[in-house]
Amino acid sequence: MSAFMPVALLLISNVFMTFAWYGHLKFTDKPLWLVILLSWSIAFVEYCFAVPANRIGHESFSAAELKTMQEVITLSVFAGFSVFYLDEKLTINHAVGFGLICAGAFFVFKGPLR
């Protein structure tokens, strides 16, 4: 398998999970039990992409690299989601925080420092 496949699957899974966790924020008039049920349904689909992404990805990446990749993808998807779906603004504070997390990802993938 290509090393690109886990990245693509994690990207898809994160779109689903972002909607499962935050999509209901536009529908605060709906009962919480209904929102939870719908979120769990969406999360099931997310797992159908995330589990194969990690299984396939572990052939090319360490578990720490997969988790780091997941977090960077999550932040990227969430940033777009919050701007385009929730109509929220990203501030310089968000950019700095996300940038620091990406800097951390660099060190995970760079390997041991000597």
N, C-alpha and C. Protein backbone atom coordinates (compact mmCIF):
# COMPACT_ATOMS: atom_id res chain seq x y z
N MET A 1 0.84 -1.20 0.00
CA MET A 1 0.00 0.00 0.00
C MET A 1 0.87 1.24 0.00
N SER A 2 0.34 2.25 -0.60
CA SER A 2 1.03 3.54 -0.65
C SER A 2 0.94 4.24 0.70
N ALA A 3 1.96 5.02 1.01
CA ALA A 3 1.95 5.80 2.26
C ALA A 3 0.91 6.90 2.20
N PHE A 4 0.40 7.20 1.01
CA PHE A 4 -0.63 8.23 0.85
C PHE A 4 -2.00 7.73 1.35
N MET A 5 -2.25 6.45 1.26
CA MET A 5 -3.56 5.88 1.62
C MET A 5 -3.97 6.20 3.06
N PRO A 6 -3.12 6.01 4.05
CA PRO A 6 -3.55 6.35 5.42
C PRO A 6 -3.84 7.84 5.59
N VAL A 7 -3.10 8.68 4.89
CA VAL A 7 -3.35 10.12 4.98
C VAL A 7 -4.73 10.43 4.42
N ALA A 8 -5.07 9.86 3.27
CA ALA A 8 -6.38 10.09 2.65
C ALA A 8 -7.50 9.57 3.55
N LEU A 9 -7.31 8.37 4.12
CA LEU A 9 -8.34 7.80 5.00
C LEU A 9 -8.49 8.62 6.28
N LEU A 10 -7.38 9.11 6.83
CA LEU A 10 -7.47 9.95 8.03
C LEU A 10 -8.16 11.27 7.72
N LEU A 11 -7.93 11.80 6.56
CA LEU A 11 -8.60 13.04 6.16
C LEU A 11 -10.11 12.83 6.09
N ILE A 12 -10.52 11.76 5.45
CA ILE A 12 -11.97 11.45 5.35
C ILE A 12 -12.55 11.22 6.75
N SER A 13 -11.86 10.43 7.57
CA SER A 13 -12.38 10.13 8.90
C SER A 13 -12.52 11.40 9.73
N ASN A 14 -11.60 12.33 9.57
CA ASN A 14 -11.66 13.57 10.34
C ASN A 14 -12.80 14.48 9.91
N VAL A 15 -13.15 14.45 8.65
CA VAL A 15 -14.32 15.22 8.22
C VAL A 15 -15.56 14.69 8.94
N PHE A 16 -15.72 13.37 8.96
CA PHE A 16 -16.87 12.79 9.65
C PHE A 16 -16.84 13.09 11.14
N MET A 17 -15.67 12.94 11.77
CA MET A 17 -15.61 13.15 13.21
C MET A 17 -15.84 14.60 13.59
N THR A 18 -15.37 15.51 12.77
CA THR A 18 -15.60 16.92 13.06
C THR A 18 -17.10 17.23 13.03
N PHE A 19 -17.80 16.67 12.05
CA PHE A 19 -19.26 16.86 12.02
C PHE A 19 -19.92 16.16 13.20
N ALA A 20 -19.43 15.00 13.59
CA ALA A 20 -20.02 14.28 14.73
C ALA A 20 -19.86 15.10 16.01
N TRP A 21 -18.71 15.71 16.20
CA TRP A 21 -18.45 16.43 17.44
C TRP A 21 -18.99 17.85 17.45
N TYR A 22 -18.96 18.54 16.31
CA TYR A 22 -19.27 19.97 16.30
C TYR A 22 -20.42 20.36 15.38
N GLY A 23 -20.87 19.50 14.52
CA GLY A 23 -21.92 19.85 13.56
C GLY A 23 -23.23 20.26 14.22
N HIS A 24 -23.50 19.71 15.37
CA HIS A 24 -24.76 20.00 16.09
C HIS A 24 -24.79 21.40 16.68
N LEU A 25 -23.67 22.08 16.71
CA LEU A 25 -23.64 23.42 17.32
C LEU A 25 -24.52 24.41 16.57
N LYS A 26 -24.86 24.11 15.33
CA LYS A 26 -25.78 24.97 14.58
C LYS A 26 -27.24 24.62 14.86
N PHE A 27 -27.48 23.55 15.59
CA PHE A 27 -28.85 23.08 15.84
C PHE A 27 -29.11 22.94 17.33
N THR A 28 -28.95 24.02 18.06
CA THR A 28 -29.08 23.97 19.52
C THR A 28 -30.53 23.79 19.97
N ASP A 29 -31.48 23.87 19.04
CA ASP A 29 -32.88 23.67 19.40
C ASP A 29 -33.26 22.19 19.43
N LYS A 30 -32.38 21.33 18.96
CA LYS A 30 -32.67 19.88 18.94
C LYS A 30 -32.38 19.27 20.31
N PRO A 31 -33.16 18.25 20.69
CA PRO A 31 -32.92 17.60 21.99
C PRO A 31 -31.53 16.94 22.03
N LEU A 32 -30.92 17.00 23.19
CA LEU A 32 -29.57 16.47 23.35
C LEU A 32 -29.50 14.98 23.02
N TRP A 33 -30.49 14.20 23.43
CA TRP A 33 -30.47 12.76 23.15
C TRP A 33 -30.43 12.50 21.65
N LEU A 34 -31.13 13.32 20.87
CA LEU A 34 -31.14 13.14 19.42
C LEU A 34 -29.78 13.50 18.82
N VAL A 35 -29.20 14.57 19.33
CA VAL A 35 -27.88 15.00 18.86
C VAL A 35 -26.84 13.92 19.17
N ILE A 36 -26.92 13.33 20.36
CA ILE A 36 -25.98 12.27 20.73
C ILE A 36 -26.14 11.06 19.82
N LEU A 37 -27.37 10.67 19.57
CA LEU A 37 -27.63 9.52 18.69
C LEU A 37 -27.10 9.77 17.29
N LEU A 38 -27.36 10.95 16.76
CA LEU A 38 -26.87 11.29 15.42
C LEU A 38 -25.35 11.35 15.40
N SER A 39 -24.76 11.94 16.43
CA SER A 39 -23.30 12.03 16.51
C SER A 39 -22.66 10.64 16.54
N TRP A 40 -23.24 9.73 17.31
CA TRP A 40 -22.71 8.37 17.36
C TRP A 40 -22.83 7.68 16.01
N SER A 41 -23.90 7.95 15.29
CA SER A 41 -24.06 7.37 13.95
C SER A 41 -22.98 7.87 13.00
N ILE A 42 -22.70 9.15 13.07
CA ILE A 42 -21.64 9.73 12.22
C ILE A 42 -20.27 9.19 12.66
N ALA A 43 -20.07 9.06 13.95
CA ALA A 43 -18.79 8.56 14.46
C ALA A 43 -18.54 7.13 14.02
N PHE A 44 -19.59 6.33 13.88
CA PHE A 44 -19.41 4.96 13.38
C PHE A 44 -18.78 4.99 11.99
N VAL A 45 -19.27 5.87 11.14
CA VAL A 45 -18.71 5.99 9.79
C VAL A 45 -17.25 6.44 9.88
N GLU A 46 -16.98 7.36 10.79
CA GLU A 46 -15.61 7.83 10.99
C GLU A 46 -14.68 6.67 11.33
N TYR A 47 -15.12 5.80 12.22
CA TYR A 47 -14.31 4.64 12.61
C TYR A 47 -14.04 3.73 11.43
N CYS A 48 -14.98 3.64 10.51
CA CYS A 48 -14.81 2.79 9.33
C CYS A 48 -13.67 3.29 8.44
N PHE A 49 -13.27 4.53 8.59
CA PHE A 49 -12.12 5.07 7.86
C PHE A 49 -10.87 5.13 8.76
N ALA A 50 -11.03 5.48 10.03
CA ALA A 50 -9.89 5.66 10.91
C ALA A 50 -9.18 4.35 11.23
N VAL A 51 -9.94 3.29 11.49
CA VAL A 51 -9.32 2.02 11.85
C VAL A 51 -8.49 1.47 10.68
N PRO A 52 -9.02 1.42 9.46
CA PRO A 52 -8.16 0.97 8.34
C PRO A 52 -6.98 1.91 8.09
N ALA A 53 -7.18 3.22 8.31
CA ALA A 53 -6.08 4.16 8.12
C ALA A 53 -4.91 3.81 9.03
N ASN A 54 -5.21 3.49 10.28
CA ASN A 54 -4.16 3.15 11.22
C ASN A 54 -3.58 1.76 10.96
N ARG A 55 -4.41 0.83 10.58
CA ARG A 55 -3.92 -0.53 10.28
C ARG A 55 -2.98 -0.49 9.08
N ILE A 56 -3.42 0.17 8.00
CA ILE A 56 -2.61 0.29 6.79
C ILE A 56 -1.39 1.17 7.05
N GLY A 57 -1.62 2.27 7.76
CA GLY A 57 -0.55 3.23 8.01
C GLY A 57 0.57 2.68 8.85
N HIS A 58 0.27 1.73 9.72
CA HIS A 58 1.30 1.18 10.59
C HIS A 58 2.33 0.36 9.82
N GLU A 59 2.04 0.04 8.55
CA GLU A 59 3.03 -0.62 7.70
C GLU A 59 4.15 0.35 7.33
N SER A 60 3.85 1.66 7.29
CA SER A 60 4.84 2.66 6.87
C SER A 60 5.23 3.64 7.97
N PHE A 61 4.39 3.80 8.96
CA PHE A 61 4.60 4.82 10.00
C PHE A 61 4.54 4.18 11.37
N SER A 62 5.22 4.80 12.34
CA SER A 62 5.10 4.36 13.72
C SER A 62 3.75 4.84 14.27
N ALA A 63 3.35 4.29 15.40
CA ALA A 63 2.10 4.72 16.03
C ALA A 63 2.17 6.20 16.40
N ALA A 64 3.32 6.66 16.87
CA ALA A 64 3.48 8.09 17.22
C ALA A 64 3.34 8.97 15.98
N GLU A 65 3.89 8.53 14.87
CA GLU A 65 3.76 9.30 13.63
C GLU A 65 2.31 9.33 13.16
N LEU A 66 1.61 8.20 13.26
CA LEU A 66 0.20 8.16 12.87
C LEU A 66 -0.64 9.09 13.74
N LYS A 67 -0.39 9.08 15.04
CA LYS A 67 -1.15 9.95 15.95
C LYS A 67 -0.85 11.41 15.67
N THR A 68 0.40 11.73 15.39
CA THR A 68 0.77 13.10 15.08
C THR A 68 0.11 13.55 13.78
N MET A 69 0.14 12.68 12.79
CA MET A 69 -0.52 12.97 11.51
C MET A 69 -2.00 13.24 11.73
N GLN A 70 -2.61 12.40 12.56
CA GLN A 70 -4.04 12.54 12.89
C GLN A 70 -4.33 13.91 13.50
N GLU A 71 -3.49 14.35 14.41
CA GLU A 71 -3.73 15.63 15.08
C GLU A 71 -3.58 16.81 14.13
N VAL A 72 -2.58 16.77 13.27
CA VAL A 72 -2.40 17.86 12.30
C VAL A 72 -3.56 17.88 11.31
N ILE A 73 -3.99 16.72 10.85
CA ILE A 73 -5.15 16.65 9.96
C ILE A 73 -6.39 17.15 10.68
N THR A 74 -6.57 16.75 11.93
CA THR A 74 -7.73 17.20 12.71
C THR A 74 -7.78 18.71 12.80
N LEU A 75 -6.66 19.33 13.11
CA LEU A 75 -6.62 20.79 13.22
C LEU A 75 -6.91 21.46 11.87
N SER A 76 -6.39 20.90 10.81
CA SER A 76 -6.63 21.47 9.48
C SER A 76 -8.11 21.38 9.10
N VAL A 77 -8.69 20.21 9.31
CA VAL A 77 -10.11 20.03 9.00
C VAL A 77 -10.96 20.93 9.88
N PHE A 78 -10.62 20.97 11.18
CA PHE A 78 -11.39 21.79 12.11
C PHE A 78 -11.31 23.27 11.75
N ALA A 79 -10.15 23.74 11.36
CA ALA A 79 -10.01 25.15 10.99
C ALA A 79 -10.95 25.50 9.84
N GLY A 80 -10.95 24.68 8.80
CA GLY A 80 -11.86 24.92 7.68
C GLY A 80 -13.31 24.81 8.09
N PHE A 81 -13.63 23.82 8.91
CA PHE A 81 -14.99 23.61 9.37
C PHE A 81 -15.49 24.81 10.17
N SER A 82 -14.67 25.30 11.09
CA SER A 82 -15.12 26.40 11.94
C SER A 82 -15.33 27.67 11.13
N VAL A 83 -14.53 27.88 10.10
CA VAL A 83 -14.68 29.08 9.28
C VAL A 83 -15.87 28.94 8.32
N PHE A 84 -15.92 27.83 7.59
CA PHE A 84 -16.92 27.70 6.53
C PHE A 84 -18.28 27.17 6.99
N TYR A 85 -18.31 26.36 8.03
CA TYR A 85 -19.58 25.80 8.49
C TYR A 85 -20.15 26.57 9.68
N LEU A 86 -19.31 26.87 10.66
CA LEU A 86 -19.78 27.56 11.86
C LEU A 86 -19.69 29.08 11.74
N ASP A 87 -19.11 29.57 10.66
CA ASP A 87 -18.94 31.01 10.44
C ASP A 87 -18.18 31.69 11.57
N GLU A 88 -17.19 31.01 12.09
CA GLU A 88 -16.34 31.59 13.12
C GLU A 88 -15.04 32.08 12.48
N LYS A 89 -14.42 33.03 13.11
CA LYS A 89 -13.17 33.57 12.59
C LYS A 89 -11.99 32.90 13.29
N LEU A 90 -10.94 32.66 12.53
CA LEU A 90 -9.69 32.19 13.13
C LEU A 90 -8.84 33.42 13.41
N THR A 91 -8.25 33.44 14.57
CA THR A 91 -7.44 34.60 14.97
C THR A 91 -5.96 34.25 14.87
N ILE A 92 -5.14 35.24 15.07
CA ILE A 92 -3.70 35.02 15.08
C ILE A 92 -3.32 34.06 16.21
N ASN A 93 -4.04 34.10 17.31
CA ASN A 93 -3.77 33.16 18.41
C ASN A 93 -3.98 31.72 17.96
N HIS A 94 -5.05 31.49 17.19
CA HIS A 94 -5.29 30.15 16.66
C HIS A 94 -4.13 29.73 15.75
N ALA A 95 -3.73 30.64 14.86
CA ALA A 95 -2.65 30.33 13.92
C ALA A 95 -1.35 30.01 14.65
N VAL A 96 -1.04 30.77 15.68
CA VAL A 96 0.18 30.52 16.45
C VAL A 96 0.09 29.16 17.15
N GLY A 97 -1.04 28.89 17.79
CA GLY A 97 -1.22 27.60 18.47
C GLY A 97 -1.13 26.43 17.52
N PHE A 98 -1.81 26.53 16.38
CA PHE A 98 -1.76 25.46 15.38
C PHE A 98 -0.35 25.32 14.84
N GLY A 99 0.32 26.44 14.65
CA GLY A 99 1.70 26.41 14.15
C GLY A 99 2.64 25.70 15.11
N LEU A 100 2.45 25.92 16.40
CA LEU A 100 3.28 25.24 17.39
C LEU A 100 3.03 23.74 17.39
N ILE A 101 1.80 23.36 17.19
CA ILE A 101 1.49 21.92 17.10
C ILE A 101 2.15 21.33 15.86
N CYS A 102 2.12 22.05 14.75
CA CYS A 102 2.79 21.59 13.53
C CYS A 102 4.31 21.51 13.74
N ALA A 103 4.86 22.44 14.50
CA ALA A 103 6.29 22.38 14.82
C ALA A 103 6.59 21.12 15.62
N GLY A 104 5.71 20.78 16.53
CA GLY A 104 5.87 19.53 17.27
C GLY A 104 5.84 18.33 16.35
N ALA A 105 4.95 18.36 15.36
CA ALA A 105 4.87 17.27 14.38
C ALA A 105 6.18 17.13 13.62
N PHE A 106 6.81 18.25 13.30
CA PHE A 106 8.10 18.21 12.61
C PHE A 106 9.09 17.37 13.41
N PHE A 107 9.15 17.58 14.71
CA PHE A 107 10.11 16.86 15.54
C PHE A 107 9.77 15.37 15.66
N VAL A 108 8.48 15.04 15.64
CA VAL A 108 8.09 13.63 15.68
C VAL A 108 8.58 12.93 14.43
N PHE A 109 8.43 13.56 13.28
CA PHE A 109 8.81 12.94 12.02
C PHE A 109 10.32 13.06 11.73
N LYS A 110 10.97 14.01 12.33
CA LYS A 110 12.41 14.21 12.06
C LYS A 110 13.24 13.07 12.61
N GLY A 111 12.81 12.47 13.70
CA GLY A 111 13.59 11.40 14.29
C GLY A 111 14.39 11.89 15.48
N PRO A 112 15.18 11.04 16.05
CA PRO A 112 15.93 11.41 17.26
C PRO A 112 16.91 12.55 17.00
N LEU A 113 16.92 13.49 17.92
CA LEU A 113 17.91 14.56 17.85
C LEU A 113 19.21 14.05 18.45
N ARG A 114 20.31 14.48 17.89
CA ARG A 114 21.62 14.02 18.39
C ARG A 114 22.44 15.16 18.85
